[in-house]
N, C-alpha and C. Protein backbone atom coordinates (compact mmCIF):
# COMPACT_ATOMS: atom_id res chain seq x y z
N MET A 1 -10.67 -8.27 21.41
CA MET A 1 -10.45 -7.49 20.18
C MET A 1 -11.14 -8.19 19.01
N SER A 2 -11.90 -7.44 18.24
CA SER A 2 -12.62 -8.05 17.12
C SER A 2 -11.69 -8.21 15.92
N GLU A 3 -12.09 -9.08 15.01
CA GLU A 3 -11.33 -9.26 13.77
C GLU A 3 -11.35 -7.96 12.98
N LEU A 4 -10.23 -7.60 12.43
CA LEU A 4 -10.20 -6.43 11.57
C LEU A 4 -10.96 -6.74 10.29
N GLU A 5 -11.69 -5.76 9.81
CA GLU A 5 -12.35 -5.96 8.52
C GLU A 5 -11.41 -5.41 7.45
N LEU A 6 -11.03 -6.30 6.53
CA LEU A 6 -10.04 -5.95 5.52
C LEU A 6 -10.64 -6.01 4.13
N LYS A 7 -10.17 -5.12 3.29
CA LYS A 7 -10.58 -5.13 1.89
C LYS A 7 -9.32 -5.05 1.05
N GLU A 8 -9.09 -6.03 0.19
CA GLU A 8 -7.88 -6.01 -0.63
C GLU A 8 -7.96 -4.84 -1.61
N VAL A 9 -6.91 -4.03 -1.66
CA VAL A 9 -6.90 -2.87 -2.54
C VAL A 9 -5.76 -2.90 -3.57
N GLY A 10 -4.88 -3.89 -3.45
CA GLY A 10 -3.81 -3.95 -4.44
C GLY A 10 -2.70 -4.89 -4.03
N LYS A 11 -1.64 -4.88 -4.85
CA LYS A 11 -0.47 -5.67 -4.48
C LYS A 11 0.80 -4.96 -4.88
N VAL A 12 1.87 -5.33 -4.16
CA VAL A 12 3.18 -4.72 -4.38
C VAL A 12 3.77 -5.27 -5.68
N THR A 13 4.16 -4.38 -6.58
CA THR A 13 4.79 -4.82 -7.83
C THR A 13 6.28 -4.53 -7.83
N HIS A 14 6.74 -3.64 -6.94
CA HIS A 14 8.16 -3.29 -6.89
C HIS A 14 8.47 -2.68 -5.53
N TYR A 15 9.72 -2.81 -5.11
CA TYR A 15 10.13 -2.18 -3.84
C TYR A 15 11.51 -1.58 -4.02
N PHE A 16 11.63 -0.30 -3.65
CA PHE A 16 12.91 0.40 -3.73
C PHE A 16 13.53 0.42 -2.33
N THR A 17 14.53 -0.43 -2.11
CA THR A 17 15.11 -0.61 -0.79
C THR A 17 15.70 0.68 -0.22
N LYS A 18 16.48 1.39 -1.03
CA LYS A 18 17.20 2.57 -0.53
C LYS A 18 16.26 3.66 -0.01
N ILE A 19 15.12 3.84 -0.68
CA ILE A 19 14.22 4.93 -0.28
C ILE A 19 12.99 4.42 0.47
N GLY A 20 12.86 3.10 0.60
CA GLY A 20 11.75 2.53 1.36
C GLY A 20 10.39 2.81 0.74
N VAL A 21 10.33 2.71 -0.58
CA VAL A 21 9.08 2.99 -1.30
C VAL A 21 8.61 1.74 -2.03
N ALA A 22 7.33 1.44 -1.87
CA ALA A 22 6.71 0.32 -2.58
C ALA A 22 5.87 0.86 -3.72
N VAL A 23 5.90 0.16 -4.85
CA VAL A 23 4.97 0.48 -5.94
C VAL A 23 3.82 -0.50 -5.82
N ILE A 24 2.61 0.04 -5.75
CA ILE A 24 1.42 -0.79 -5.54
C ILE A 24 0.47 -0.62 -6.72
N SER A 25 0.12 -1.75 -7.31
CA SER A 25 -0.85 -1.77 -8.40
C SER A 25 -2.22 -1.92 -7.74
N LEU A 26 -3.08 -0.91 -7.93
CA LEU A 26 -4.35 -0.87 -7.20
C LEU A 26 -5.48 -1.61 -7.90
N THR A 27 -6.27 -2.32 -7.09
CA THR A 27 -7.49 -2.96 -7.58
C THR A 27 -8.71 -2.26 -6.99
N ASP A 28 -8.47 -1.23 -6.18
CA ASP A 28 -9.54 -0.46 -5.56
C ASP A 28 -8.99 0.90 -5.17
N THR A 29 -9.84 1.79 -4.69
CA THR A 29 -9.45 3.14 -4.32
C THR A 29 -8.63 3.15 -3.03
N LEU A 30 -7.60 3.98 -3.01
CA LEU A 30 -6.79 4.17 -1.81
C LEU A 30 -6.58 5.66 -1.61
N SER A 31 -6.71 6.12 -0.36
CA SER A 31 -6.59 7.55 -0.07
C SER A 31 -5.56 7.79 1.01
N VAL A 32 -4.97 8.98 0.98
CA VAL A 32 -4.08 9.40 2.07
C VAL A 32 -4.93 9.42 3.34
N GLY A 33 -4.37 8.88 4.42
CA GLY A 33 -5.11 8.80 5.68
C GLY A 33 -5.69 7.43 5.95
N ASP A 34 -5.81 6.59 4.90
CA ASP A 34 -6.31 5.23 5.10
C ASP A 34 -5.30 4.43 5.93
N ARG A 35 -5.80 3.49 6.74
CA ARG A 35 -4.92 2.52 7.41
C ARG A 35 -4.86 1.29 6.52
N ILE A 36 -3.65 0.80 6.31
CA ILE A 36 -3.49 -0.37 5.46
C ILE A 36 -2.73 -1.46 6.19
N LEU A 37 -2.90 -2.68 5.71
CA LEU A 37 -2.16 -3.84 6.18
C LEU A 37 -1.46 -4.40 4.95
N ILE A 38 -0.16 -4.61 5.07
CA ILE A 38 0.59 -5.23 3.98
C ILE A 38 1.00 -6.62 4.45
N LYS A 39 0.62 -7.62 3.68
CA LYS A 39 0.79 -8.99 4.13
C LYS A 39 1.33 -9.86 3.00
N GLY A 40 2.30 -10.70 3.35
CA GLY A 40 2.87 -11.63 2.38
C GLY A 40 3.49 -12.79 3.13
N MET A 41 4.33 -13.56 2.45
CA MET A 41 4.98 -14.72 3.07
C MET A 41 5.73 -14.33 4.34
N THR A 42 6.48 -13.24 4.28
CA THR A 42 7.29 -12.82 5.43
C THR A 42 6.95 -11.40 5.87
N THR A 43 5.92 -10.82 5.30
CA THR A 43 5.54 -9.44 5.58
C THR A 43 4.20 -9.44 6.31
N ASN A 44 4.07 -8.61 7.33
CA ASN A 44 2.79 -8.49 8.01
C ASN A 44 2.85 -7.29 8.94
N PHE A 45 2.42 -6.12 8.44
CA PHE A 45 2.41 -4.93 9.30
C PHE A 45 1.34 -3.95 8.82
N GLU A 46 0.94 -3.09 9.76
CA GLU A 46 -0.04 -2.05 9.50
C GLU A 46 0.65 -0.70 9.48
N GLN A 47 0.11 0.21 8.71
CA GLN A 47 0.57 1.59 8.76
C GLN A 47 -0.51 2.49 8.16
N SER A 48 -0.35 3.79 8.37
CA SER A 48 -1.23 4.76 7.73
C SER A 48 -0.60 5.19 6.41
N VAL A 49 -1.44 5.54 5.45
CA VAL A 49 -0.95 6.09 4.18
C VAL A 49 -0.68 7.57 4.43
N GLU A 50 0.60 7.93 4.48
CA GLU A 50 0.93 9.33 4.77
C GLU A 50 1.07 10.15 3.50
N SER A 51 1.57 9.51 2.43
CA SER A 51 1.64 10.20 1.15
C SER A 51 1.75 9.16 0.05
N MET A 52 1.22 9.52 -1.11
CA MET A 52 1.28 8.65 -2.28
C MET A 52 1.72 9.50 -3.46
N GLN A 53 2.37 8.84 -4.40
CA GLN A 53 2.74 9.56 -5.62
C GLN A 53 2.39 8.73 -6.85
N ILE A 54 1.98 9.43 -7.89
CA ILE A 54 1.82 8.83 -9.21
C ILE A 54 2.74 9.61 -10.13
N GLU A 55 3.69 8.90 -10.71
CA GLU A 55 4.70 9.54 -11.57
C GLU A 55 5.31 10.78 -10.93
N HIS A 56 5.77 10.62 -9.68
CA HIS A 56 6.49 11.63 -8.92
C HIS A 56 5.68 12.86 -8.54
N LYS A 57 4.34 12.76 -8.66
CA LYS A 57 3.48 13.86 -8.23
C LYS A 57 2.62 13.36 -7.07
N ASN A 58 2.55 14.17 -6.00
CA ASN A 58 1.74 13.78 -4.85
C ASN A 58 0.26 13.76 -5.20
N VAL A 59 -0.43 12.73 -4.75
CA VAL A 59 -1.88 12.64 -4.95
C VAL A 59 -2.52 12.28 -3.60
N ASN A 60 -3.78 12.67 -3.42
CA ASN A 60 -4.51 12.32 -2.19
C ASN A 60 -5.35 11.07 -2.36
N VAL A 61 -5.74 10.79 -3.60
CA VAL A 61 -6.57 9.61 -3.87
C VAL A 61 -6.07 8.95 -5.15
N ALA A 62 -6.04 7.63 -5.15
CA ALA A 62 -5.69 6.88 -6.36
C ALA A 62 -6.74 5.80 -6.55
N TYR A 63 -6.95 5.40 -7.80
CA TYR A 63 -8.07 4.53 -8.14
C TYR A 63 -7.62 3.22 -8.77
N ARG A 64 -8.55 2.28 -8.82
CA ARG A 64 -8.34 0.99 -9.46
C ARG A 64 -7.67 1.18 -10.81
N GLY A 65 -6.65 0.36 -11.08
CA GLY A 65 -5.97 0.44 -12.37
C GLY A 65 -4.73 1.33 -12.35
N GLN A 66 -4.59 2.14 -11.30
CA GLN A 66 -3.41 3.00 -11.21
C GLN A 66 -2.33 2.31 -10.37
N SER A 67 -1.09 2.74 -10.58
CA SER A 67 0.00 2.30 -9.73
C SER A 67 0.51 3.50 -8.95
N VAL A 68 0.72 3.31 -7.65
CA VAL A 68 1.17 4.41 -6.81
C VAL A 68 2.47 4.04 -6.11
N GLY A 69 3.27 5.06 -5.85
CA GLY A 69 4.45 4.90 -5.01
C GLY A 69 4.05 5.26 -3.59
N LEU A 70 4.40 4.40 -2.65
CA LEU A 70 3.97 4.58 -1.27
C LEU A 70 5.16 4.36 -0.34
N LYS A 71 5.42 5.33 0.52
CA LYS A 71 6.49 5.18 1.52
C LYS A 71 6.03 4.15 2.54
N VAL A 72 6.83 3.12 2.77
CA VAL A 72 6.43 2.08 3.72
C VAL A 72 7.40 2.02 4.90
N ASN A 73 6.86 1.61 6.07
CA ASN A 73 7.64 1.60 7.31
C ASN A 73 8.57 0.40 7.43
N GLN A 74 8.28 -0.64 6.67
CA GLN A 74 9.10 -1.85 6.72
C GLN A 74 9.33 -2.36 5.30
N ARG A 75 10.26 -3.30 5.20
CA ARG A 75 10.54 -3.90 3.90
C ARG A 75 9.33 -4.68 3.41
N VAL A 76 9.02 -4.53 2.14
CA VAL A 76 7.95 -5.34 1.53
C VAL A 76 8.53 -6.08 0.34
N ARG A 77 7.78 -7.02 -0.18
CA ARG A 77 8.27 -7.82 -1.29
C ARG A 77 7.25 -7.84 -2.42
N GLU A 78 7.73 -8.05 -3.64
CA GLU A 78 6.82 -8.15 -4.78
C GLU A 78 5.81 -9.25 -4.52
N GLY A 79 4.55 -8.97 -4.81
CA GLY A 79 3.51 -9.96 -4.62
C GLY A 79 2.80 -9.83 -3.28
N ASP A 80 3.36 -9.06 -2.34
CA ASP A 80 2.67 -8.84 -1.07
C ASP A 80 1.33 -8.16 -1.35
N LYS A 81 0.30 -8.56 -0.62
CA LYS A 81 -1.02 -7.99 -0.81
C LYS A 81 -1.21 -6.79 0.12
N VAL A 82 -1.96 -5.82 -0.39
CA VAL A 82 -2.24 -4.60 0.38
C VAL A 82 -3.74 -4.56 0.67
N TYR A 83 -4.07 -4.43 1.95
CA TYR A 83 -5.46 -4.38 2.38
C TYR A 83 -5.75 -3.07 3.06
N LYS A 84 -6.96 -2.52 2.81
CA LYS A 84 -7.42 -1.36 3.54
C LYS A 84 -8.14 -1.87 4.78
N ILE A 85 -7.84 -1.27 5.94
CA ILE A 85 -8.52 -1.65 7.18
C ILE A 85 -9.77 -0.78 7.29
N LEU A 86 -10.93 -1.42 7.31
CA LEU A 86 -12.21 -0.70 7.31
C LEU A 86 -12.68 -0.38 8.73
C-alpha cells in the first residue's frame, strides 16, 4: 500500500459532543464527497465529507477562511488537523 497523499485543509476549532459535529476552520477548499483524515494527539480516522454547513445552511463547497460544521464519525478535539486525501 502506498503512502496516502495528504493536504492540510484546516483544523478543528470546536466539537459538539451531543450532535457529533466538528467546526473546522479552513485553510483550503473542502467539498462534499472529499475523503478526509482527521488527526491529533488521540484522534486518527478517515471519513468522507457527507454534508457541510455554514451558519446552518448546507453547502457543497467551502473555501479558505470559512468555518464549516461537519458531521464526524468519531470524537474529535480542538486543534486536531484536517487533511484532504488526494
